[in-house]
Amino acid sequence: MNFKFVFYCFLSILIITGGGYYFFSSRQESVAAIFFLGATVAALFFGFRWFNSSGDINTTSGPWPPSVNYCPDFMTLANISDEQVCIDTVGVATAGGISSSDGTKIADQYLFKLYLTSSGADRTSLLCQQAKEKKVTWEGVWDGTTCLSSQEPPKPPRMSESVAATPSTSTTMTTSTGSGSRRGSM
């Protein structure tokens, strides 16, 4: 059994009984009952969250980030000239990196290539290098100073011909918000 668990139990009992006694001795019986129930629920909640069944500190946690987006943070997935690329529609890279675009500009300074023909560590290395050059971050891939993962970012699904349009008429896009994605059409 862990000393921290014993200390947590002792401190929880002390706070629950001490607070209940304070309110009860002040003739606030209903407040004492509410405090007693609320503090007990809070102590149980955090106790189960912080400690496992043997009393040891629970150190298990999920992977971070929980999912890696198709594009760098806050950039938009677009189908331009039959190639899936990411574009900056909101002006994320203000320090001279990738230039902002509405999806109609197809020069390299406006596009973040996804290297869909490469795979594995080669693709990850190419994406990290490009993120560094374009001065954008990508949660789980590039944090602005270091390549974070040897795991390859997911490749976006091919956009169907009925959904994707040519750049001269409209561009189908998916925006990467840093914690999820949303799909829309411009």
C-alpha atoms as a PDB file:
ATOM      1  CA  MET A   1       0.000   0.000   0.000  1.00  0.00           C
ATOM      2  CA  ASN A   2       1.233   3.445  -0.881  1.00  0.00           C
ATOM      3  CA  PHE A   3       1.957   6.071   1.788  1.00  0.00           C
ATOM      4  CA  LYS A   4       0.311   8.714  -0.430  1.00  0.00           C
ATOM      5  CA  PHE A   5      -2.902   6.695  -0.478  1.00  0.00           C
ATOM      6  CA  VAL A   6      -2.945   6.440   3.330  1.00  0.00           C
ATOM      7  CA  PHE A   7      -2.286  10.180   3.602  1.00  0.00           C
ATOM      8  CA  TYR A   8      -5.091  10.902   1.088  1.00  0.00           C
ATOM      9  CA  CYS A   9      -7.557   8.785   3.076  1.00  0.00           C
ATOM     10  CA  PHE A  10      -6.554  10.435   6.368  1.00  0.00           C
ATOM     11  CA  LEU A  11      -6.785  13.936   4.914  1.00  0.00           C
ATOM     12  CA  SER A  12     -10.159  13.199   3.270  1.00  0.00           C
ATOM     13  CA  ILE A  13     -11.633  11.895   6.536  1.00  0.00           C
ATOM     14  CA  LEU A  14     -10.230  14.889   8.422  1.00  0.00           C
ATOM     15  CA  ILE A  15     -11.718  17.417   5.953  1.00  0.00           C
ATOM     16  CA  ILE A  16     -15.109  15.675   5.724  1.00  0.00           C
ATOM     17  CA  THR A  17     -15.588  15.259   9.466  1.00  0.00           C
ATOM     18  CA  GLY A  18     -14.014  18.605  10.363  1.00  0.00           C
ATOM     19  CA  GLY A  19     -16.135  20.528   7.883  1.00  0.00           C
ATOM     20  CA  GLY A  20     -19.279  18.637   8.900  1.00  0.00           C
ATOM     21  CA  TYR A  21     -18.564  19.289  12.588  1.00  0.00           C
ATOM     22  CA  TYR A  22     -17.968  23.009  11.935  1.00  0.00           C
ATOM     23  CA  PHE A  23     -21.297  23.490  10.154  1.00  0.00           C
ATOM     24  CA  PHE A  24     -23.192  21.255  12.602  1.00  0.00           C
ATOM     25  CA  SER A  25     -21.812  23.121  15.643  1.00  0.00           C
ATOM     26  CA  SER A  26     -22.840  26.406  13.976  1.00  0.00           C
ATOM     27  CA  ARG A  27     -26.415  25.065  13.946  1.00  0.00           C
ATOM     28  CA  GLN A  28     -26.434  24.776  10.158  1.00  0.00           C
ATOM     29  CA  GLU A  29     -27.530  21.136   9.994  1.00  0.00           C
ATOM     30  CA  SER A  30     -28.689  21.265   6.362  1.00  0.00           C
ATOM     31  CA  VAL A  31     -25.414  22.890   5.249  1.00  0.00           C
ATOM     32  CA  ALA A  32     -23.509  20.255   7.248  1.00  0.00           C
ATOM     33  CA  ALA A  33     -25.401  17.445   5.496  1.00  0.00           C
ATOM     34  CA  ILE A  34     -24.831  18.971   2.046  1.00  0.00           C
ATOM     35  CA  PHE A  35     -21.130  19.526   2.819  1.00  0.00           C
ATOM     36  CA  PHE A  36     -20.768  15.970   4.139  1.00  0.00           C
ATOM     37  CA  LEU A  37     -22.350  14.436   1.036  1.00  0.00           C
ATOM     38  CA  GLY A  38     -20.531  16.709  -1.422  1.00  0.00           C
ATOM     39  CA  ALA A  39     -17.107  16.286   0.191  1.00  0.00           C
ATOM     40  CA  THR A  40     -17.597  12.502   0.369  1.00  0.00           C
ATOM     41  CA  VAL A  41     -18.514  12.303  -3.318  1.00  0.00           C
ATOM     42  CA  ALA A  42     -15.544  14.528  -4.269  1.00  0.00           C
ATOM     43  CA  ALA A  43     -13.117  12.474  -2.137  1.00  0.00           C
ATOM     44  CA  LEU A  44     -14.381   9.211  -3.658  1.00  0.00           C
ATOM     45  CA  PHE A  45     -14.237  10.595  -7.199  1.00  0.00           C
ATOM     46  CA  PHE A  46     -10.646  11.793  -6.910  1.00  0.00           C
ATOM     47  CA  GLY A  47      -9.627   8.727  -4.908  1.00  0.00           C
ATOM     48  CA  PHE A  48     -10.808   6.380  -7.660  1.00  0.00           C
ATOM     49  CA  ARG A  49      -9.259   8.604 -10.300  1.00  0.00           C
ATOM     50  CA  TRP A  50      -5.834   8.974  -8.661  1.00  0.00           C
ATOM     51  CA  PHE A  51      -5.376   5.524  -7.078  1.00  0.00           C
ATOM     52  CA  ASN A  52      -5.900   1.989  -8.374  1.00  0.00           C
ATOM     53  CA  SER A  53      -7.486  -0.871  -6.404  1.00  0.00           C
ATOM     54  CA  SER A  54      -4.223  -1.817  -4.647  1.00  0.00           C
ATOM     55  CA  GLY A  55      -3.708   1.759  -3.362  1.00  0.00           C
ATOM     56  CA  ASP A  56      -0.893   2.614  -5.775  1.00  0.00           C
ATOM     57  CA  ILE A  57      -0.936   5.821  -7.807  1.00  0.00           C
ATOM     58  CA  ASN A  58      -2.687   5.312 -11.131  1.00  0.00           C
ATOM     59  CA  THR A  59      -0.139   6.179 -13.835  1.00  0.00           C
ATOM     60  CA  THR A  60      -1.990   4.863 -16.869  1.00  0.00           C
ATOM     61  CA  SER A  61      -2.999   7.425 -19.434  1.00  0.00           C
ATOM     62  CA  GLY A  62      -3.964   7.353 -23.051  1.00  0.00           C
ATOM     63  CA  PRO A  63      -1.772   8.283 -25.984  1.00  0.00           C
ATOM     64  CA  TRP A  64      -1.110  11.920 -26.804  1.00  0.00           C
ATOM     65  CA  PRO A  65      -2.330  13.329 -29.023  1.00  0.00           C
ATOM     66  CA  PRO A  66      -5.424  11.108 -29.096  1.00  0.00           C
ATOM     67  CA  SER A  67      -5.517  11.468 -32.881  1.00  0.00           C
ATOM     68  CA  VAL A  68      -3.326  13.162 -35.467  1.00  0.00           C
ATOM     69  CA  ASN A  69      -5.064  15.345 -38.040  1.00  0.00           C
ATOM     70  CA  TYR A  70      -4.585  15.095 -41.797  1.00  0.00           C
ATOM     71  CA  CYS A  71      -3.166  18.629 -41.936  1.00  0.00           C
ATOM     72  CA  PRO A  72      -1.097  20.868 -39.652  1.00  0.00           C
ATOM     73  CA  ASP A  73      -2.993  22.719 -36.929  1.00  0.00           C
ATOM     74  CA  PHE A  74      -5.709  25.073 -38.186  1.00  0.00           C
ATOM     75  CA  MET A  75      -4.998  24.358 -41.848  1.00  0.00           C
ATOM     76  CA  THR A  76      -7.499  23.149 -44.434  1.00  0.00           C
ATOM     77  CA  LEU A  77      -7.383  19.990 -46.521  1.00  0.00           C
ATOM     78  CA  ALA A  78      -8.080  20.871 -50.153  1.00  0.00           C
ATOM     79  CA  ASN A  79      -8.174  19.013 -53.453  1.00  0.00           C
ATOM     80  CA  ILE A  80      -6.262  21.230 -55.903  1.00  0.00           C
ATOM     81  CA  SER A  81      -5.371  19.985 -59.401  1.00  0.00           C
ATOM     82  CA  ASP A  82      -6.223  16.388 -58.409  1.00  0.00           C
ATOM     83  CA  GLU A  83      -3.767  16.530 -55.506  1.00  0.00           C
ATOM     84  CA  GLN A  84      -4.709  16.638 -51.838  1.00  0.00           C
ATOM     85  CA  VAL A  85      -2.814  19.426 -50.091  1.00  0.00           C
ATOM     86  CA  CYS A  86      -3.278  21.628 -47.041  1.00  0.00           C
ATOM     87  CA  ILE A  87      -3.780  25.369 -47.332  1.00  0.00           C
ATOM     88  CA  ASP A  88      -3.778  28.168 -44.784  1.00  0.00           C
ATOM     89  CA  THR A  89      -7.155  29.907 -45.008  1.00  0.00           C
ATOM     90  CA  VAL A  90      -6.890  31.795 -41.704  1.00  0.00           C
ATOM     91  CA  GLY A  91      -3.327  33.130 -41.702  1.00  0.00           C
ATOM     92  CA  VAL A  92      -1.733  30.723 -39.222  1.00  0.00           C
ATOM     93  CA  ALA A  93       1.880  31.223 -40.310  1.00  0.00           C
ATOM     94  CA  THR A  94       2.491  34.927 -39.861  1.00  0.00           C
ATOM     95  CA  ALA A  95       6.287  34.629 -39.498  1.00  0.00           C
ATOM     96  CA  GLY A  96       7.071  34.333 -43.208  1.00  0.00           C
ATOM     97  CA  GLY A  97       6.094  30.681 -43.617  1.00  0.00           C
ATOM     98  CA  ILE A  98       3.218  29.450 -45.750  1.00  0.00           C
ATOM     99  CA  SER A  99       1.106  32.206 -47.314  1.00  0.00           C
ATOM    100  CA  SER A 100      -2.623  32.458 -46.732  1.00  0.00           C
ATOM    101  CA  SER A 101      -4.851  31.257 -49.568  1.00  0.00           C
ATOM    102  CA  ASP A 102      -8.519  30.922 -50.420  1.00  0.00           C
ATOM    103  CA  GLY A 103      -7.900  27.718 -52.381  1.00  0.00           C
ATOM    104  CA  THR A 104      -7.514  29.281 -55.832  1.00  0.00           C
ATOM    105  CA  LYS A 105      -3.752  29.943 -55.581  1.00  0.00           C
ATOM    106  CA  ILE A 106      -1.680  26.897 -56.502  1.00  0.00           C
ATOM    107  CA  ALA A 107       1.930  28.091 -56.179  1.00  0.00           C
ATOM    108  CA  ASP A 108       4.173  26.207 -53.706  1.00  0.00           C
ATOM    109  CA  GLN A 109       4.205  29.128 -51.237  1.00  0.00           C
ATOM    110  CA  TYR A 110       0.448  28.571 -50.675  1.00  0.00           C
ATOM    111  CA  LEU A 111       0.449  24.758 -50.432  1.00  0.00           C
ATOM    112  CA  PHE A 112       1.477  22.264 -47.781  1.00  0.00           C
ATOM    113  CA  LYS A 113       2.119  19.016 -49.619  1.00  0.00           C
ATOM    114  CA  LEU A 114       1.117  15.768 -47.897  1.00  0.00           C
ATOM    115  CA  TYR A 115       3.540  13.427 -49.742  1.00  0.00           C
ATOM    116  CA  LEU A 116       0.858  10.796 -50.235  1.00  0.00           C
ATOM    117  CA  THR A 117       3.124   8.659 -52.450  1.00  0.00           C
ATOM    118  CA  SER A 118       5.687   8.274 -49.623  1.00  0.00           C
ATOM    119  CA  SER A 119       5.094   6.242 -46.488  1.00  0.00           C
ATOM    120  CA  GLY A 120       6.523   5.422 -43.082  1.00  0.00           C
ATOM    121  CA  ALA A 121       9.502   7.250 -41.614  1.00  0.00           C
ATOM    122  CA  ASP A 122      10.355   8.844 -44.988  1.00  0.00           C
ATOM    123  CA  ARG A 123       6.948  10.548 -45.194  1.00  0.00           C
ATOM    124  CA  THR A 124       7.107  11.646 -41.555  1.00  0.00           C
ATOM    125  CA  SER A 125      10.554  13.142 -42.106  1.00  0.00           C
ATOM    126  CA  LEU A 126       9.384  15.002 -45.226  1.00  0.00           C
ATOM    127  CA  LEU A 127       6.308  16.367 -43.413  1.00  0.00           C
ATOM    128  CA  CYS A 128       8.380  17.486 -40.397  1.00  0.00           C
ATOM    129  CA  GLN A 129      10.887  19.247 -42.626  1.00  0.00           C
ATOM    130  CA  GLN A 130       8.123  20.990 -44.569  1.00  0.00           C
ATOM    131  CA  ALA A 131       6.335  22.054 -41.355  1.00  0.00           C
ATOM    132  CA  LYS A 132       9.624  23.559 -40.172  1.00  0.00           C
ATOM    133  CA  GLU A 133      10.140  25.407 -43.463  1.00  0.00           C
ATOM    134  CA  LYS A 134       6.527  26.637 -43.652  1.00  0.00           C
ATOM    135  CA  LYS A 135       6.578  27.628 -39.933  1.00  0.00           C
ATOM    136  CA  VAL A 136       3.452  25.756 -38.870  1.00  0.00           C
ATOM    137  CA  THR A 137       2.865  23.355 -35.976  1.00  0.00           C
ATOM    138  CA  TRP A 138       1.225  19.948 -36.256  1.00  0.00           C
ATOM    139  CA  GLU A 139       0.076  18.305 -33.037  1.00  0.00           C
ATOM    140  CA  GLY A 140       1.746  14.908 -32.778  1.00  0.00           C
ATOM    141  CA  VAL A 141       4.143  15.551 -35.685  1.00  0.00           C
ATOM    142  CA  TRP A 142       5.991  18.879 -35.249  1.00  0.00           C
ATOM    143  CA  ASP A 143       5.754  21.153 -32.188  1.00  0.00           C
ATOM    144  CA  GLY A 144       7.740  24.043 -33.638  1.00  0.00           C
ATOM    145  CA  THR A 145      11.123  22.806 -32.421  1.00  0.00           C
ATOM    146  CA  THR A 146      11.180  19.001 -32.587  1.00  0.00           C
ATOM    147  CA  CYS A 147       9.788  16.159 -34.689  1.00  0.00           C
ATOM    148  CA  LEU A 148       7.653  14.364 -32.135  1.00  0.00           C
ATOM    149  CA  SER A 149       6.816  11.021 -33.616  1.00  0.00           C
ATOM    150  CA  SER A 150       8.222   8.298 -35.730  1.00  0.00           C
ATOM    151  CA  GLN A 151       4.611   7.263 -36.335  1.00  0.00           C
ATOM    152  CA  GLU A 152       3.316   8.301 -39.745  1.00  0.00           C
ATOM    153  CA  PRO A 153       0.427  10.827 -39.754  1.00  0.00           C
ATOM    154  CA  PRO A 154      -2.765   9.467 -41.331  1.00  0.00           C
ATOM    155  CA  LYS A 155      -3.336   9.894 -45.035  1.00  0.00           C
ATOM    156  CA  PRO A 156      -6.620  11.584 -45.894  1.00  0.00           C
ATOM    157  CA  PRO A 157      -9.218   9.546 -47.775  1.00  0.00           C
ATOM    158  CA  ARG A 158      -9.435  10.269 -51.476  1.00  0.00           C
ATOM    159  CA  MET A 159     -12.134  12.823 -52.192  1.00  0.00           C
ATOM    160  CA  SER A 160     -14.647  11.440 -54.648  1.00  0.00           C
ATOM    161  CA  GLU A 161     -14.953  13.022 -58.086  1.00  0.00           C
ATOM    162  CA  SER A 162     -18.521  14.096 -57.306  1.00  0.00           C
ATOM    163  CA  VAL A 163     -17.386  15.954 -54.177  1.00  0.00           C
ATOM    164  CA  ALA A 164     -14.101  17.459 -55.360  1.00  0.00           C
ATOM    165  CA  ALA A 165     -14.324  20.222 -57.911  1.00  0.00           C
ATOM    166  CA  THR A 166     -11.706  21.899 -60.060  1.00  0.00           C
ATOM    167  CA  PRO A 167      -9.904  24.904 -58.548  1.00  0.00           C
ATOM    168  CA  SER A 168     -11.470  27.282 -61.058  1.00  0.00           C
ATOM    169  CA  THR A 169     -15.003  26.655 -59.754  1.00  0.00           C
ATOM    170  CA  SER A 170     -14.706  25.642 -56.103  1.00  0.00           C
ATOM    171  CA  THR A 171     -12.484  23.709 -53.757  1.00  0.00           C
ATOM    172  CA  THR A 172     -13.592  21.036 -51.324  1.00  0.00           C
ATOM    173  CA  MET A 173     -11.897  21.513 -47.976  1.00  0.00           C
ATOM    174  CA  THR A 174     -11.600  19.984 -44.512  1.00  0.00           C
ATOM    175  CA  THR A 175     -10.343  22.252 -41.732  1.00  0.00           C
ATOM    176  CA  SER A 176      -7.963  20.916 -39.094  1.00  0.00           C
ATOM    177  CA  THR A 177      -8.771  22.656 -35.805  1.00  0.00           C
ATOM    178  CA  GLY A 178      -5.968  21.196 -33.736  1.00  0.00           C
ATOM    179  CA  SER A 179      -8.268  18.867 -31.807  1.00  0.00           C
ATOM    180  CA  GLY A 180     -10.535  17.515 -34.529  1.00  0.00           C
ATOM    181  CA  SER A 181     -11.698  18.140 -38.048  1.00  0.00           C
ATOM    182  CA  ARG A 182     -14.729  19.590 -39.740  1.00  0.00           C
ATOM    183  CA  ARG A 183     -15.720  19.342 -43.344  1.00  0.00           C
ATOM    184  CA  GLY A 184     -17.122  22.100 -45.508  1.00  0.00           C
ATOM    185  CA  SER A 185     -17.196  23.441 -49.038  1.00  0.00           C
ATOM    186  CA  MET A 186     -16.180  26.854 -50.311  1.00  0.00           C
END
